[in-house]
Amino acid sequence: MTIRTTRLDAGVRGALRAVSAAAEKGLGDPGLAELVQIRASQLNRCAFCLDLHLARAREGGAVREGRLDLLNAWEEAGDDVFDARERAALELTEAVTVLTDGFVPDEVYERAAAHFDAARLAHLVALITAVNGWNRLMVARRIPPGATAW
């Protein structure tokens, strides 16, 4: 039986929380921040982060339930479900998360840059990077949804 640690140093946890919070604030769109974090967590199969961000997205109606239902198929869902700005952010999220060719294609980055000024784009990339870090920390240690000791 493999023993996995559930411990995460408070300094590391605090630093990651600070990066995530700064990126979310700088992006300036709480609903989009949740969509991006949920999509990355879907790709990384992080049950802990999916549980957390789906709950946050539902709180106060930040993201409409039907949009959450279709997020895994955002490309096919159509422009009436996800607008061009959201689609560009989701495409960038997938490119940064998967790094299929070892990099983010220029055309994907350029599509996102067409919808976000330089500061918001930097915050978007930081948010995607932060949630991927969280996903890897939770998945590697198999932290279950709703866990409080981590």
N, C-alpha and C. Protein backbone atom coordinates (compact mmCIF):
# COMPACT_ATOMS: atom_id res chain seq x y z
N MET A 1 0.83 -1.18 0.00
CA MET A 1 0.00 0.00 0.00
C MET A 1 0.88 1.25 0.00
N THR A 2 0.60 2.15 -0.90
CA THR A 2 1.34 3.39 -0.99
C THR A 2 0.78 4.40 0.00
N ILE A 3 1.65 4.98 0.79
CA ILE A 3 1.25 6.00 1.74
C ILE A 3 1.49 7.36 1.08
N ARG A 4 0.46 8.18 1.05
CA ARG A 4 0.57 9.52 0.47
C ARG A 4 0.37 10.55 1.57
N THR A 5 1.13 11.60 1.49
CA THR A 5 1.00 12.64 2.50
C THR A 5 -0.23 13.50 2.23
N THR A 6 -0.89 13.89 3.29
CA THR A 6 -1.97 14.86 3.16
C THR A 6 -1.49 16.22 3.64
N ARG A 7 -0.27 16.27 4.12
CA ARG A 7 0.29 17.50 4.68
C ARG A 7 0.76 18.43 3.56
N LEU A 8 0.43 19.69 3.72
CA LEU A 8 0.94 20.74 2.84
C LEU A 8 1.43 21.86 3.74
N ASP A 9 2.67 22.23 3.59
CA ASP A 9 3.28 23.28 4.40
C ASP A 9 2.43 24.55 4.36
N ALA A 10 2.22 25.14 5.50
CA ALA A 10 1.39 26.34 5.59
C ALA A 10 1.93 27.48 4.73
N GLY A 11 3.24 27.59 4.63
CA GLY A 11 3.84 28.63 3.79
C GLY A 11 3.54 28.41 2.32
N VAL A 12 3.61 27.16 1.88
CA VAL A 12 3.29 26.82 0.49
C VAL A 12 1.81 27.09 0.23
N ARG A 13 0.98 26.60 1.13
CA ARG A 13 -0.48 26.80 0.99
C ARG A 13 -0.81 28.29 0.92
N GLY A 14 -0.23 29.07 1.82
CA GLY A 14 -0.49 30.51 1.85
C GLY A 14 -0.02 31.21 0.58
N ALA A 15 1.14 30.81 0.08
CA ALA A 15 1.67 31.42 -1.14
C ALA A 15 0.78 31.10 -2.34
N LEU A 16 0.34 29.85 -2.44
CA LEU A 16 -0.53 29.47 -3.55
C LEU A 16 -1.89 30.18 -3.46
N ARG A 17 -2.40 30.28 -2.26
CA ARG A 17 -3.67 31.01 -2.08
C ARG A 17 -3.51 32.47 -2.48
N ALA A 18 -2.39 33.07 -2.14
CA ALA A 18 -2.15 34.47 -2.48
C ALA A 18 -2.06 34.66 -3.99
N VAL A 19 -1.37 33.76 -4.68
CA VAL A 19 -1.27 33.83 -6.14
C VAL A 19 -2.65 33.69 -6.75
N SER A 20 -3.40 32.71 -6.31
CA SER A 20 -4.75 32.48 -6.84
C SER A 20 -5.64 33.70 -6.62
N ALA A 21 -5.62 34.25 -5.41
CA ALA A 21 -6.46 35.40 -5.08
C ALA A 21 -6.07 36.63 -5.90
N ALA A 22 -4.77 36.88 -6.04
CA ALA A 22 -4.31 38.03 -6.82
C ALA A 22 -4.70 37.88 -8.28
N ALA A 23 -4.57 36.68 -8.82
CA ALA A 23 -4.92 36.44 -10.22
C ALA A 23 -6.42 36.61 -10.44
N GLU A 24 -7.23 36.06 -9.54
CA GLU A 24 -8.68 36.22 -9.65
C GLU A 24 -9.08 37.69 -9.59
N LYS A 25 -8.52 38.40 -8.64
CA LYS A 25 -8.85 39.82 -8.48
C LYS A 25 -8.43 40.61 -9.72
N GLY A 26 -7.25 40.35 -10.22
CA GLY A 26 -6.74 41.06 -11.39
C GLY A 26 -7.52 40.75 -12.66
N LEU A 27 -8.06 39.55 -12.75
CA LEU A 27 -8.87 39.19 -13.91
C LEU A 27 -10.16 40.01 -13.89
N GLY A 28 -10.71 40.23 -12.70
CA GLY A 28 -11.87 41.09 -12.56
C GLY A 28 -13.19 40.52 -13.03
N ASP A 29 -13.28 39.22 -13.15
CA ASP A 29 -14.51 38.57 -13.61
C ASP A 29 -14.65 37.25 -12.85
N PRO A 30 -15.34 37.28 -11.69
CA PRO A 30 -15.44 36.08 -10.85
C PRO A 30 -16.05 34.87 -11.56
N GLY A 31 -17.06 35.09 -12.39
CA GLY A 31 -17.68 33.98 -13.11
C GLY A 31 -16.71 33.33 -14.07
N LEU A 32 -15.98 34.13 -14.83
CA LEU A 32 -15.00 33.60 -15.77
C LEU A 32 -13.87 32.90 -15.02
N ALA A 33 -13.46 33.46 -13.89
CA ALA A 33 -12.42 32.82 -13.08
C ALA A 33 -12.84 31.41 -12.67
N GLU A 34 -14.09 31.26 -12.28
CA GLU A 34 -14.57 29.92 -11.90
C GLU A 34 -14.63 28.99 -13.10
N LEU A 35 -15.11 29.48 -14.25
CA LEU A 35 -15.16 28.64 -15.46
C LEU A 35 -13.77 28.12 -15.81
N VAL A 36 -12.78 28.99 -15.77
CA VAL A 36 -11.40 28.62 -16.10
C VAL A 36 -10.88 27.57 -15.11
N GLN A 37 -11.13 27.80 -13.82
CA GLN A 37 -10.61 26.87 -12.82
C GLN A 37 -11.33 25.52 -12.88
N ILE A 38 -12.60 25.54 -13.19
CA ILE A 38 -13.34 24.29 -13.34
C ILE A 38 -12.84 23.53 -14.56
N ARG A 39 -12.65 24.24 -15.68
CA ARG A 39 -12.20 23.55 -16.90
C ARG A 39 -10.83 22.93 -16.71
N ALA A 40 -9.90 23.64 -16.11
CA ALA A 40 -8.58 23.06 -15.85
C ALA A 40 -8.70 21.85 -14.93
N SER A 41 -9.55 21.95 -13.93
CA SER A 41 -9.74 20.85 -12.98
C SER A 41 -10.38 19.65 -13.65
N GLN A 42 -11.27 19.87 -14.63
CA GLN A 42 -11.84 18.76 -15.40
C GLN A 42 -10.73 18.05 -16.17
N LEU A 43 -9.91 18.82 -16.84
CA LEU A 43 -8.83 18.24 -17.64
C LEU A 43 -7.84 17.46 -16.77
N ASN A 44 -7.59 17.97 -15.57
CA ASN A 44 -6.63 17.33 -14.67
C ASN A 44 -7.27 16.28 -13.76
N ARG A 45 -8.59 16.12 -13.88
CA ARG A 45 -9.33 15.13 -13.09
C ARG A 45 -9.14 15.33 -11.59
N CYS A 46 -9.22 16.58 -11.17
CA CYS A 46 -9.04 16.92 -9.76
C CYS A 46 -10.41 17.05 -9.09
N ALA A 47 -10.83 16.00 -8.43
CA ALA A 47 -12.14 15.98 -7.78
C ALA A 47 -12.24 17.03 -6.68
N PHE A 48 -11.18 17.21 -5.92
CA PHE A 48 -11.19 18.21 -4.84
C PHE A 48 -11.47 19.60 -5.40
N CYS A 49 -10.73 19.99 -6.43
CA CYS A 49 -10.88 21.34 -7.00
C CYS A 49 -12.19 21.49 -7.75
N LEU A 50 -12.65 20.43 -8.41
CA LEU A 50 -13.96 20.49 -9.07
C LEU A 50 -15.05 20.75 -8.05
N ASP A 51 -15.03 20.02 -6.97
CA ASP A 51 -16.02 20.19 -5.91
C ASP A 51 -16.00 21.62 -5.38
N LEU A 52 -14.82 22.12 -5.09
CA LEU A 52 -14.65 23.46 -4.56
C LEU A 52 -15.14 24.54 -5.54
N HIS A 53 -14.67 24.47 -6.78
CA HIS A 53 -14.99 25.54 -7.73
C HIS A 53 -16.40 25.44 -8.29
N LEU A 54 -16.95 24.26 -8.39
CA LEU A 54 -18.36 24.16 -8.78
C LEU A 54 -19.26 24.78 -7.71
N ALA A 55 -18.93 24.53 -6.46
CA ALA A 55 -19.72 25.14 -5.37
C ALA A 55 -19.59 26.66 -5.40
N ARG A 56 -18.37 27.15 -5.60
CA ARG A 56 -18.17 28.61 -5.67
C ARG A 56 -18.90 29.22 -6.86
N ALA A 57 -18.91 28.52 -7.99
CA ALA A 57 -19.59 29.03 -9.18
C ALA A 57 -21.09 29.11 -8.98
N ARG A 58 -21.64 28.18 -8.20
CA ARG A 58 -23.08 28.16 -7.96
C ARG A 58 -23.51 29.18 -6.92
N GLU A 59 -22.61 29.54 -6.02
CA GLU A 59 -22.93 30.50 -4.96
C GLU A 59 -23.33 31.83 -5.57
N GLY A 60 -24.48 32.28 -5.19
CA GLY A 60 -24.95 33.59 -5.65
C GLY A 60 -25.15 33.68 -7.15
N GLY A 61 -25.18 32.53 -7.82
CA GLY A 61 -25.42 32.52 -9.26
C GLY A 61 -24.28 33.07 -10.09
N ALA A 62 -23.04 32.94 -9.61
CA ALA A 62 -21.88 33.44 -10.35
C ALA A 62 -21.84 32.88 -11.76
N VAL A 63 -22.23 31.60 -11.90
CA VAL A 63 -22.30 30.96 -13.22
C VAL A 63 -23.59 30.17 -13.27
N ARG A 64 -24.36 30.40 -14.31
CA ARG A 64 -25.64 29.70 -14.48
C ARG A 64 -25.41 28.19 -14.60
N GLU A 65 -26.27 27.42 -13.95
CA GLU A 65 -26.14 25.96 -13.89
C GLU A 65 -26.01 25.31 -15.27
N GLY A 66 -26.79 25.74 -16.23
CA GLY A 66 -26.72 25.15 -17.57
C GLY A 66 -25.36 25.33 -18.22
N ARG A 67 -24.71 26.44 -17.93
CA ARG A 67 -23.36 26.66 -18.46
C ARG A 67 -22.36 25.71 -17.80
N LEU A 68 -22.55 25.46 -16.52
CA LEU A 68 -21.68 24.50 -15.83
C LEU A 68 -21.87 23.10 -16.42
N ASP A 69 -23.12 22.77 -16.74
CA ASP A 69 -23.42 21.46 -17.32
C ASP A 69 -22.72 21.26 -18.67
N LEU A 70 -22.56 22.35 -19.42
CA LEU A 70 -22.01 22.26 -20.77
C LEU A 70 -20.52 22.61 -20.86
N LEU A 71 -19.91 22.93 -19.75
CA LEU A 71 -18.52 23.37 -19.78
C LEU A 71 -17.58 22.34 -20.38
N ASN A 72 -17.80 21.09 -20.10
CA ASN A 72 -16.93 20.03 -20.63
C ASN A 72 -17.01 19.94 -22.15
N ALA A 73 -18.05 20.50 -22.73
CA ALA A 73 -18.22 20.50 -24.19
C ALA A 73 -18.39 21.94 -24.69
N TRP A 74 -17.62 22.86 -24.14
CA TRP A 74 -17.78 24.28 -24.44
C TRP A 74 -17.63 24.58 -25.93
N GLU A 75 -16.76 23.87 -26.62
CA GLU A 75 -16.55 24.15 -28.05
C GLU A 75 -17.80 23.86 -28.87
N GLU A 76 -18.55 22.85 -28.48
CA GLU A 76 -19.75 22.47 -29.20
C GLU A 76 -21.00 23.18 -28.69
N ALA A 77 -20.90 23.81 -27.52
CA ALA A 77 -22.07 24.41 -26.89
C ALA A 77 -22.61 25.62 -27.64
N GLY A 78 -21.78 26.29 -28.40
CA GLY A 78 -22.23 27.43 -29.20
C GLY A 78 -22.02 28.77 -28.54
N ASP A 79 -22.05 29.80 -29.37
CA ASP A 79 -21.80 31.17 -28.91
C ASP A 79 -22.88 31.71 -27.99
N ASP A 80 -24.06 31.12 -28.02
CA ASP A 80 -25.13 31.60 -27.14
C ASP A 80 -24.94 31.08 -25.71
N VAL A 81 -24.07 30.10 -25.52
CA VAL A 81 -23.79 29.58 -24.17
C VAL A 81 -22.52 30.23 -23.62
N PHE A 82 -21.46 30.23 -24.42
CA PHE A 82 -20.19 30.85 -24.04
C PHE A 82 -19.83 31.87 -25.11
N ASP A 83 -19.64 33.12 -24.70
CA ASP A 83 -19.33 34.16 -25.68
C ASP A 83 -17.88 34.05 -26.15
N ALA A 84 -17.52 34.87 -27.12
CA ALA A 84 -16.19 34.79 -27.73
C ALA A 84 -15.07 35.00 -26.71
N ARG A 85 -15.27 35.90 -25.78
CA ARG A 85 -14.26 36.16 -24.74
C ARG A 85 -14.07 34.93 -23.86
N GLU A 86 -15.17 34.33 -23.43
CA GLU A 86 -15.10 33.12 -22.60
C GLU A 86 -14.48 31.96 -23.38
N ARG A 87 -14.85 31.84 -24.64
CA ARG A 87 -14.31 30.76 -25.46
C ARG A 87 -12.79 30.91 -25.63
N ALA A 88 -12.33 32.15 -25.80
CA ALA A 88 -10.89 32.39 -25.91
C ALA A 88 -10.19 32.03 -24.60
N ALA A 89 -10.80 32.38 -23.47
CA ALA A 89 -10.21 32.05 -22.17
C ALA A 89 -10.19 30.54 -21.94
N LEU A 90 -11.24 29.86 -22.34
CA LEU A 90 -11.29 28.41 -22.17
C LEU A 90 -10.29 27.71 -23.09
N GLU A 91 -10.16 28.22 -24.30
CA GLU A 91 -9.17 27.65 -25.23
C GLU A 91 -7.76 27.84 -24.67
N LEU A 92 -7.48 29.02 -24.12
CA LEU A 92 -6.18 29.26 -23.51
C LEU A 92 -5.98 28.35 -22.29
N THR A 93 -7.02 28.17 -21.52
CA THR A 93 -6.95 27.28 -20.35
C THR A 93 -6.53 25.87 -20.78
N GLU A 94 -7.15 25.37 -21.82
CA GLU A 94 -6.81 24.03 -22.30
C GLU A 94 -5.39 23.97 -22.82
N ALA A 95 -4.96 25.00 -23.55
CA ALA A 95 -3.61 25.00 -24.11
C ALA A 95 -2.55 25.05 -23.01
N VAL A 96 -2.77 25.88 -21.99
CA VAL A 96 -1.81 25.99 -20.89
C VAL A 96 -1.83 24.71 -20.04
N THR A 97 -3.00 24.13 -19.85
CA THR A 97 -3.12 22.94 -19.00
C THR A 97 -2.51 21.71 -19.66
N VAL A 98 -2.78 21.51 -20.93
CA VAL A 98 -2.37 20.28 -21.61
C VAL A 98 -0.97 20.39 -22.21
N LEU A 99 -0.60 21.57 -22.71
CA LEU A 99 0.70 21.77 -23.36
C LEU A 99 1.03 20.65 -24.34
N THR A 100 0.08 20.34 -25.21
CA THR A 100 0.19 19.21 -26.13
C THR A 100 1.49 19.20 -26.91
N ASP A 101 1.87 20.31 -27.47
CA ASP A 101 3.10 20.37 -28.25
C ASP A 101 4.26 20.95 -27.45
N GLY A 102 4.09 21.04 -26.15
CA GLY A 102 5.13 21.57 -25.28
C GLY A 102 5.10 23.08 -25.15
N PHE A 103 4.09 23.71 -25.73
CA PHE A 103 3.98 25.16 -25.65
C PHE A 103 2.54 25.56 -25.95
N VAL A 104 2.23 26.83 -25.71
CA VAL A 104 0.91 27.36 -26.05
C VAL A 104 1.01 27.94 -27.47
N PRO A 105 0.21 27.44 -28.41
CA PRO A 105 0.29 27.94 -29.78
C PRO A 105 0.03 29.45 -29.86
N ASP A 106 0.76 30.12 -30.72
CA ASP A 106 0.61 31.57 -30.88
C ASP A 106 -0.82 31.97 -31.20
N GLU A 107 -1.49 31.22 -32.07
CA GLU A 107 -2.84 31.59 -32.46
C GLU A 107 -3.83 31.51 -31.29
N VAL A 108 -3.61 30.60 -30.38
CA VAL A 108 -4.47 30.50 -29.18
C VAL A 108 -4.23 31.71 -28.29
N TYR A 109 -2.97 32.05 -28.09
CA TYR A 109 -2.62 33.21 -27.26
C TYR A 109 -3.15 34.49 -27.90
N GLU A 110 -3.02 34.61 -29.21
CA GLU A 110 -3.50 35.81 -29.91
C GLU A 110 -5.01 35.96 -29.81
N ARG A 111 -5.75 34.84 -29.89
CA ARG A 111 -7.21 34.92 -29.74
C ARG A 111 -7.58 35.43 -28.35
N ALA A 112 -6.86 34.98 -27.34
CA ALA A 112 -7.13 35.46 -25.98
C ALA A 112 -6.74 36.94 -25.86
N ALA A 113 -5.62 37.31 -26.44
CA ALA A 113 -5.14 38.69 -26.37
C ALA A 113 -6.11 39.66 -27.04
N ALA A 114 -6.91 39.18 -27.97
CA ALA A 114 -7.89 40.03 -28.64
C ALA A 114 -9.05 40.41 -27.70
N HIS A 115 -9.21 39.67 -26.61
CA HIS A 115 -10.33 39.90 -25.69
C HIS A 115 -9.93 40.45 -24.33
N PHE A 116 -8.63 40.45 -24.04
CA PHE A 116 -8.15 40.88 -22.73
C PHE A 116 -7.00 41.86 -22.91
N ASP A 117 -7.00 42.93 -22.12
CA ASP A 117 -5.84 43.81 -22.17
C ASP A 117 -4.65 43.08 -21.54
N ALA A 118 -3.47 43.67 -21.65
CA ALA A 118 -2.24 42.98 -21.22
C ALA A 118 -2.30 42.57 -19.74
N ALA A 119 -2.81 43.44 -18.89
CA ALA A 119 -2.87 43.13 -17.46
C ALA A 119 -3.84 41.98 -17.17
N ARG A 120 -5.01 42.04 -17.77
CA ARG A 120 -6.00 40.96 -17.53
C ARG A 120 -5.52 39.65 -18.13
N LEU A 121 -4.85 39.71 -19.27
CA LEU A 121 -4.32 38.49 -19.87
C LEU A 121 -3.25 37.87 -18.97
N ALA A 122 -2.41 38.72 -18.40
CA ALA A 122 -1.38 38.22 -17.48
C ALA A 122 -2.03 37.56 -16.26
N HIS A 123 -3.10 38.16 -15.75
CA HIS A 123 -3.81 37.58 -14.61
C HIS A 123 -4.50 36.27 -15.01
N LEU A 124 -5.04 36.22 -16.20
CA LEU A 124 -5.67 34.98 -16.68
C LEU A 124 -4.65 33.85 -16.75
N VAL A 125 -3.50 34.11 -17.34
CA VAL A 125 -2.45 33.09 -17.41
C VAL A 125 -1.99 32.68 -16.02
N ALA A 126 -1.87 33.65 -15.12
CA ALA A 126 -1.47 33.34 -13.74
C ALA A 126 -2.53 32.47 -13.05
N LEU A 127 -3.80 32.77 -13.28
CA LEU A 127 -4.88 31.98 -12.68
C LEU A 127 -4.86 30.55 -13.21
N ILE A 128 -4.69 30.39 -14.50
CA ILE A 128 -4.62 29.05 -15.10
C ILE A 128 -3.44 28.29 -14.52
N THR A 129 -2.31 28.95 -14.40
CA THR A 129 -1.11 28.32 -13.85
C THR A 129 -1.33 27.93 -12.39
N ALA A 130 -1.96 28.82 -11.62
CA ALA A 130 -2.20 28.54 -10.20
C ALA A 130 -3.13 27.35 -10.02
N VAL A 131 -4.22 27.32 -10.76
CA VAL A 131 -5.16 26.20 -10.58
C VAL A 131 -4.52 24.89 -11.02
N ASN A 132 -3.67 24.93 -12.02
CA ASN A 132 -2.96 23.71 -12.41
C ASN A 132 -2.03 23.24 -11.29
N GLY A 133 -1.41 24.19 -10.61
CA GLY A 133 -0.58 23.82 -9.46
C GLY A 133 -1.41 23.18 -8.35
N TRP A 134 -2.55 23.80 -8.04
CA TRP A 134 -3.45 23.21 -7.05
C TRP A 134 -3.91 21.82 -7.47
N ASN A 135 -4.30 21.69 -8.74
CA ASN A 135 -4.77 20.39 -9.23
C ASN A 135 -3.70 19.32 -9.02
N ARG A 136 -2.49 19.64 -9.36
CA ARG A 136 -1.42 18.65 -9.25
C ARG A 136 -1.13 18.31 -7.79
N LEU A 137 -1.18 19.31 -6.92
CA LEU A 137 -0.98 19.04 -5.50
C LEU A 137 -2.07 18.13 -4.94
N MET A 138 -3.29 18.36 -5.31
CA MET A 138 -4.39 17.57 -4.77
C MET A 138 -4.46 16.18 -5.40
N VAL A 139 -4.27 16.10 -6.71
CA VAL A 139 -4.33 14.80 -7.39
C VAL A 139 -3.16 13.91 -6.96
N ALA A 140 -1.97 14.47 -6.89
CA ALA A 140 -0.80 13.68 -6.51
C ALA A 140 -0.96 13.05 -5.14
N ARG A 141 -1.66 13.76 -4.25
CA ARG A 141 -1.85 13.26 -2.89
C ARG A 141 -3.20 12.59 -2.70
N ARG A 142 -4.01 12.57 -3.78
CA ARG A 142 -5.35 11.97 -3.76
C ARG A 142 -6.23 12.55 -2.65
N ILE A 143 -6.27 13.86 -2.59
CA ILE A 143 -7.10 14.54 -1.60
C ILE A 143 -8.54 14.49 -2.11
N PRO A 144 -9.46 13.90 -1.35
CA PRO A 144 -10.85 13.74 -1.82
C PRO A 144 -11.64 15.04 -1.72
N PRO A 145 -12.74 15.11 -2.47
CA PRO A 145 -13.60 16.29 -2.40
C PRO A 145 -14.06 16.53 -0.96
N GLY A 146 -14.05 17.79 -0.58
CA GLY A 146 -14.54 18.16 0.74
C GLY A 146 -13.57 17.93 1.88
N ALA A 147 -12.39 17.40 1.58
CA ALA A 147 -11.42 17.13 2.66
C ALA A 147 -11.03 18.44 3.34
N THR A 148 -10.83 18.38 4.65
CA THR A 148 -10.45 19.56 5.39
C THR A 148 -9.02 19.48 5.90
N ALA A 149 -8.45 18.29 5.93
CA ALA A 149 -7.06 18.11 6.39
C ALA A 149 -6.17 17.91 5.17
N TRP A 150 -5.51 18.97 4.76
CA TRP A 150 -4.62 18.86 3.60
C TRP A 150 -3.52 19.88 3.68
